[in-house]
Amino acid sequence: MKIALIGYGKMGKMIEQIARDRGHEIVSIIDIDNQQDFDSPEFASAEVAIEFTAPQAAYGNYLKAWAKGVKVVSGSTGWMKEHGDEVRKACAEEGKTLFWASNFSIGVAIFSAVNRYLAKIMNQFPQYDVEMEETHHVHKLDHPSGTAITLAEEIVENIDRKEAWKEDTTDKKYLRVDHIRRGEVPGIHTIRYDSDADLITITHDAHSRKGFALGAVLAAEYTKDHQGLLTISDMFKF
């Protein structure tokens, strides 16, 4: 498969290595200093572009790729609130394709399925209060993480006593989500159900970015033969 990379930081370089190891061809690499390459024949030859950039750049990158007929796999977060409706319309009505996930790790996909199932169970036991904590490296500027937001929304959807999620809250009608930034931590997400009697905890602790990069390449392989607005639940049927 012919793949273009949009964003060439640590994730982009790891994705490149894994994609090549899996027999794919990297036909174009676009970073901040060569934006003109969106107009190159090499970029247009890509079947899928894998995009990991900043929230303020992501939506514009989707438009540039779609304009060249290139499907997009993206792990960029922070753009959904402002451009979510436009992206959904483009995928539903205009024939565009975006595979978006806040986290491409296979382990996180499994963790998310466990999170949803556990929340459904705990909805029956109001003596347990639930909260979440996420820890990432000091270079991550947004908070909470996109993964934490996705997990939090899954909890709120399944637990009637939580109206929404919030950071730094003591109001029990909200799911509290805390964030920590330290060192070079790839990502730790912990969900706790606490009662007077006991504590139930589930945690996903990423050892490196490799799991995220592999998941992104697997998503590109899936996206090549599918269209519309896609996500992890389409690729993994848990």
Protein backbone atom coordinates (compact mmCIF):
# COMPACT_ATOMS: atom_id res chain seq x y z
CA MET A 1 0.00 0.00 0.00
CA LYS A 2 1.15 3.54 -0.71
CA ILE A 3 1.13 5.65 2.45
CA ALA A 4 1.76 9.37 3.01
CA LEU A 5 2.79 10.67 6.41
CA ILE A 6 1.55 14.03 7.69
CA GLY A 7 3.60 14.98 10.72
CA TYR A 8 7.12 13.65 11.19
CA GLY A 9 7.77 13.78 14.91
CA LYS A 10 8.47 10.78 17.11
CA MET A 11 5.16 9.14 16.20
CA GLY A 12 5.61 9.80 12.49
CA LYS A 13 9.06 8.23 12.47
CA MET A 14 7.85 5.16 14.36
CA ILE A 15 4.88 4.78 12.02
CA GLU A 16 7.25 5.00 9.06
CA GLN A 17 9.41 2.18 10.43
CA ILE A 18 6.47 -0.12 11.18
CA ALA A 19 4.80 0.61 7.83
CA ARG A 20 7.99 -0.26 5.94
CA ASP A 21 8.46 -3.39 8.06
CA ARG A 22 4.94 -4.48 7.04
CA GLY A 23 5.79 -4.05 3.36
CA HIS A 24 4.18 -0.68 2.68
CA GLU A 25 5.67 2.14 0.61
CA ILE A 26 6.03 5.63 2.07
CA VAL A 27 5.46 7.89 -0.95
CA SER A 28 5.39 11.29 0.78
CA ILE A 29 6.37 12.77 4.15
CA ILE A 30 4.91 16.19 4.97
CA ASP A 31 6.00 18.23 7.95
CA ILE A 32 5.79 21.89 8.90
CA ASP A 33 8.57 22.97 6.54
CA ASN A 34 7.30 21.39 3.28
CA GLN A 35 3.56 22.07 3.20
CA GLN A 36 3.78 22.60 -0.56
CA ASP A 37 4.17 18.84 -0.96
CA PHE A 38 0.43 18.45 -0.46
CA ASP A 39 0.29 19.51 -4.13
CA SER A 40 2.89 16.97 -5.27
CA PRO A 41 2.08 13.95 -7.46
CA GLU A 42 3.77 11.77 -4.86
CA PHE A 43 1.26 12.78 -2.20
CA ALA A 44 -1.66 12.35 -4.59
CA SER A 45 -0.48 8.79 -5.33
CA ALA A 46 -1.02 7.74 -1.70
CA GLU A 47 -3.94 5.47 -0.91
CA VAL A 48 -4.01 6.57 2.74
CA ALA A 49 -2.36 9.42 4.65
CA ILE A 50 -1.54 8.90 8.34
CA GLU A 51 -1.79 12.19 10.20
CA PHE A 52 -0.39 12.96 13.68
CA THR A 53 -0.03 16.72 14.15
CA ALA A 54 -1.43 19.48 16.36
CA PRO A 55 -5.10 20.29 17.06
CA GLN A 56 -4.94 23.56 15.16
CA ALA A 57 -3.50 21.90 12.04
CA ALA A 58 -5.45 18.64 11.87
CA TYR A 59 -8.67 19.75 10.15
CA GLY A 60 -6.80 21.73 7.51
CA ASN A 61 -4.67 18.67 6.82
CA TYR A 62 -7.79 16.56 6.31
CA LEU A 63 -9.10 19.06 3.76
CA LYS A 64 -5.81 19.13 1.86
CA ALA A 65 -5.64 15.33 1.73
CA TRP A 66 -9.27 14.94 0.71
CA ALA A 67 -8.78 17.50 -2.05
CA LYS A 68 -6.25 15.11 -3.59
CA GLY A 69 -8.53 12.09 -3.18
CA VAL A 70 -6.47 10.64 -0.31
CA LYS A 71 -8.14 8.89 2.62
CA VAL A 72 -6.93 9.91 6.09
CA VAL A 73 -6.08 8.08 9.31
CA SER A 74 -5.62 10.57 12.15
CA GLY A 75 -4.67 10.44 15.80
CA SER A 76 -4.72 14.21 16.30
CA THR A 77 -7.00 15.35 19.10
CA GLY A 78 -8.50 18.68 20.14
CA TRP A 79 -10.20 19.56 16.82
CA MET A 80 -13.51 17.74 17.27
CA LYS A 81 -15.40 20.45 19.14
CA GLU A 82 -14.76 23.08 16.46
CA HIS A 83 -14.85 20.95 13.31
CA GLY A 84 -16.65 17.73 14.24
CA ASP A 85 -19.87 18.59 12.42
CA GLU A 86 -18.01 19.53 9.25
CA VAL A 87 -16.03 16.30 9.29
CA ARG A 88 -19.13 14.18 9.87
CA LYS A 89 -20.90 15.91 6.97
CA ALA A 90 -17.92 15.46 4.64
CA CYS A 91 -17.76 11.74 5.43
CA ALA A 92 -21.52 11.14 5.32
CA GLU A 93 -22.49 13.32 2.36
CA GLU A 94 -19.38 14.11 0.33
CA GLY A 95 -17.68 10.73 0.07
CA LYS A 96 -14.64 11.59 2.20
CA THR A 97 -12.95 9.07 4.49
CA LEU A 98 -11.43 9.66 7.91
CA PHE A 99 -10.41 6.96 10.38
CA TRP A 100 -10.07 8.87 13.64
CA ALA A 101 -9.16 7.57 17.08
CA SER A 102 -7.90 9.28 20.20
CA ASN A 103 -5.66 6.25 20.70
CA PHE A 104 -4.70 3.53 18.21
CA SER A 105 -3.21 1.09 20.72
CA ILE A 106 -4.69 -2.40 20.52
CA GLY A 107 -4.32 -2.58 24.30
CA VAL A 108 -6.30 0.62 24.73
CA ALA A 109 -9.02 -0.74 22.44
CA ILE A 110 -9.30 -3.77 24.72
CA PHE A 111 -9.13 -1.52 27.81
CA SER A 112 -11.94 0.62 26.39
CA ALA A 113 -14.14 -2.44 25.89
CA VAL A 114 -13.48 -3.49 29.52
CA ASN A 115 -14.24 0.09 30.63
CA ARG A 116 -17.64 0.07 28.93
CA TYR A 117 -18.55 -3.34 30.32
CA LEU A 118 -17.44 -2.46 33.86
CA ALA A 119 -19.38 0.82 33.76
CA LYS A 120 -22.56 -1.04 32.81
CA ILE A 121 -22.07 -3.33 35.81
CA MET A 122 -21.24 -0.50 38.22
CA ASN A 123 -24.35 1.42 37.20
CA GLN A 124 -26.19 -1.02 39.46
CA PHE A 125 -24.03 -0.23 42.51
CA PRO A 126 -24.36 3.44 43.53
CA GLN A 127 -22.20 2.94 46.62
CA TYR A 128 -19.18 3.10 44.29
CA ASP A 129 -17.98 6.49 43.12
CA VAL A 130 -15.86 6.59 39.98
CA GLU A 131 -12.97 8.84 38.98
CA MET A 132 -10.19 8.81 36.41
CA GLU A 133 -6.54 9.87 36.27
CA GLU A 134 -4.32 10.14 33.20
CA THR A 135 -0.54 10.64 33.14
CA HIS A 136 1.52 11.69 30.11
CA HIS A 137 4.91 13.14 29.22
CA VAL A 138 5.66 16.81 29.87
CA HIS A 139 5.53 17.64 26.14
CA LYS A 140 1.80 16.91 25.94
CA LEU A 141 0.09 20.27 26.20
CA ASP A 142 -3.59 19.34 25.97
CA HIS A 143 -5.48 17.90 28.92
CA PRO A 144 -7.19 15.70 29.64
CA SER A 145 -5.86 13.40 26.93
CA GLY A 146 -8.07 12.45 24.02
CA THR A 147 -8.03 8.88 25.30
CA ALA A 148 -9.19 10.01 28.73
CA ILE A 149 -12.03 11.98 27.18
CA THR A 150 -13.14 8.95 25.17
CA LEU A 151 -13.01 6.72 28.26
CA ALA A 152 -14.84 9.34 30.33
CA GLU A 153 -17.61 9.67 27.76
CA GLU A 154 -18.03 5.89 27.79
CA ILE A 155 -18.43 5.93 31.57
CA VAL A 156 -20.92 8.81 31.55
CA GLU A 157 -22.93 7.06 28.84
CA ASN A 158 -23.29 3.94 30.98
CA ILE A 159 -23.56 5.31 34.55
CA ASP A 160 -26.81 7.18 35.17
CA ARG A 161 -25.56 8.99 38.28
CA LYS A 162 -22.90 10.90 36.30
CA GLU A 163 -24.17 13.81 34.18
CA ALA A 164 -20.85 14.59 32.49
CA TRP A 165 -17.10 14.62 33.15
CA LYS A 166 -15.08 17.52 34.53
CA GLU A 167 -11.55 18.26 35.64
CA ASP A 168 -10.85 19.31 39.24
CA THR A 169 -14.38 18.88 40.56
CA THR A 170 -15.73 17.70 43.90
CA ASP A 171 -19.33 17.60 42.68
CA LYS A 172 -20.41 13.95 42.74
CA LYS A 173 -22.75 14.35 39.79
CA TYR A 174 -19.67 14.71 37.58
CA LEU A 175 -17.00 12.16 36.74
CA ARG A 176 -13.75 13.69 37.97
CA VAL A 177 -10.84 13.45 35.50
CA ASP A 178 -7.36 14.40 36.73
CA HIS A 179 -4.20 14.83 34.65
CA ILE A 180 -0.51 14.56 35.51
CA ARG A 181 2.43 15.58 33.28
CA ARG A 182 5.83 14.12 34.16
CA GLY A 183 8.97 12.85 32.45
CA GLU A 184 8.58 10.93 29.20
CA VAL A 185 5.57 8.81 30.19
CA PRO A 186 3.89 7.49 26.98
CA GLY A 187 0.50 7.25 28.66
CA ILE A 188 -1.17 5.81 31.76
CA HIS A 189 -4.95 5.76 32.23
CA THR A 190 -6.47 4.61 35.52
CA ILE A 191 -10.15 4.28 36.43
CA ARG A 192 -11.12 3.77 40.07
CA TYR A 193 -14.42 2.67 41.60
CA ASP A 194 -14.21 3.41 45.32
CA SER A 195 -16.61 2.55 48.12
CA ASP A 196 -16.45 2.37 51.93
CA ALA A 197 -15.83 -1.36 51.62
CA ASP A 198 -13.28 -1.65 48.81
CA LEU A 199 -11.63 -0.24 45.70
CA ILE A 200 -11.79 -1.58 42.13
CA THR A 201 -9.12 -0.26 39.77
CA ILE A 202 -8.34 -0.83 36.09
CA THR A 203 -5.23 0.63 34.43
CA HIS A 204 -3.66 0.75 31.00
CA ASP A 205 0.05 1.59 31.11
CA ALA A 206 1.78 2.03 27.75
CA HIS A 207 5.44 0.97 27.71
CA SER A 208 6.22 2.95 24.54
CA ARG A 209 4.62 4.59 21.50
CA LYS A 210 5.10 1.40 19.48
CA GLY A 211 1.60 0.12 20.23
CA PHE A 212 0.08 3.40 19.04
CA ALA A 213 2.15 3.35 15.84
CA LEU A 214 1.29 -0.26 15.00
CA GLY A 215 -2.40 0.46 15.55
CA ALA A 216 -2.22 3.44 13.19
CA VAL A 217 -0.72 1.28 10.44
CA LEU A 218 -3.37 -1.40 11.03
CA ALA A 219 -5.98 1.35 10.75
CA ALA A 220 -4.48 2.46 7.43
CA GLU A 221 -4.69 -1.12 6.14
CA TYR A 222 -8.35 -1.22 7.19
CA THR A 223 -9.13 2.22 5.77
CA LYS A 224 -7.77 1.35 2.33
CA ASP A 225 -10.81 -0.86 1.73
CA HIS A 226 -13.45 1.09 3.67
CA GLN A 227 -14.94 4.57 3.57
CA GLY A 228 -16.78 7.13 5.65
CA LEU A 229 -16.08 8.17 9.23
CA LEU A 230 -14.35 5.18 10.81
CA THR A 231 -12.95 4.42 14.24
CA ILE A 232 -11.50 1.65 16.39
CA SER A 233 -14.90 0.03 17.03
CA ASP A 234 -15.24 -0.54 13.28
CA MET A 235 -11.89 -2.31 13.06
CA PHE A 236 -12.12 -4.30 16.31
CA LYS A 237 -15.49 -5.89 17.05
CA PHE A 238 -15.43 -6.30 20.83
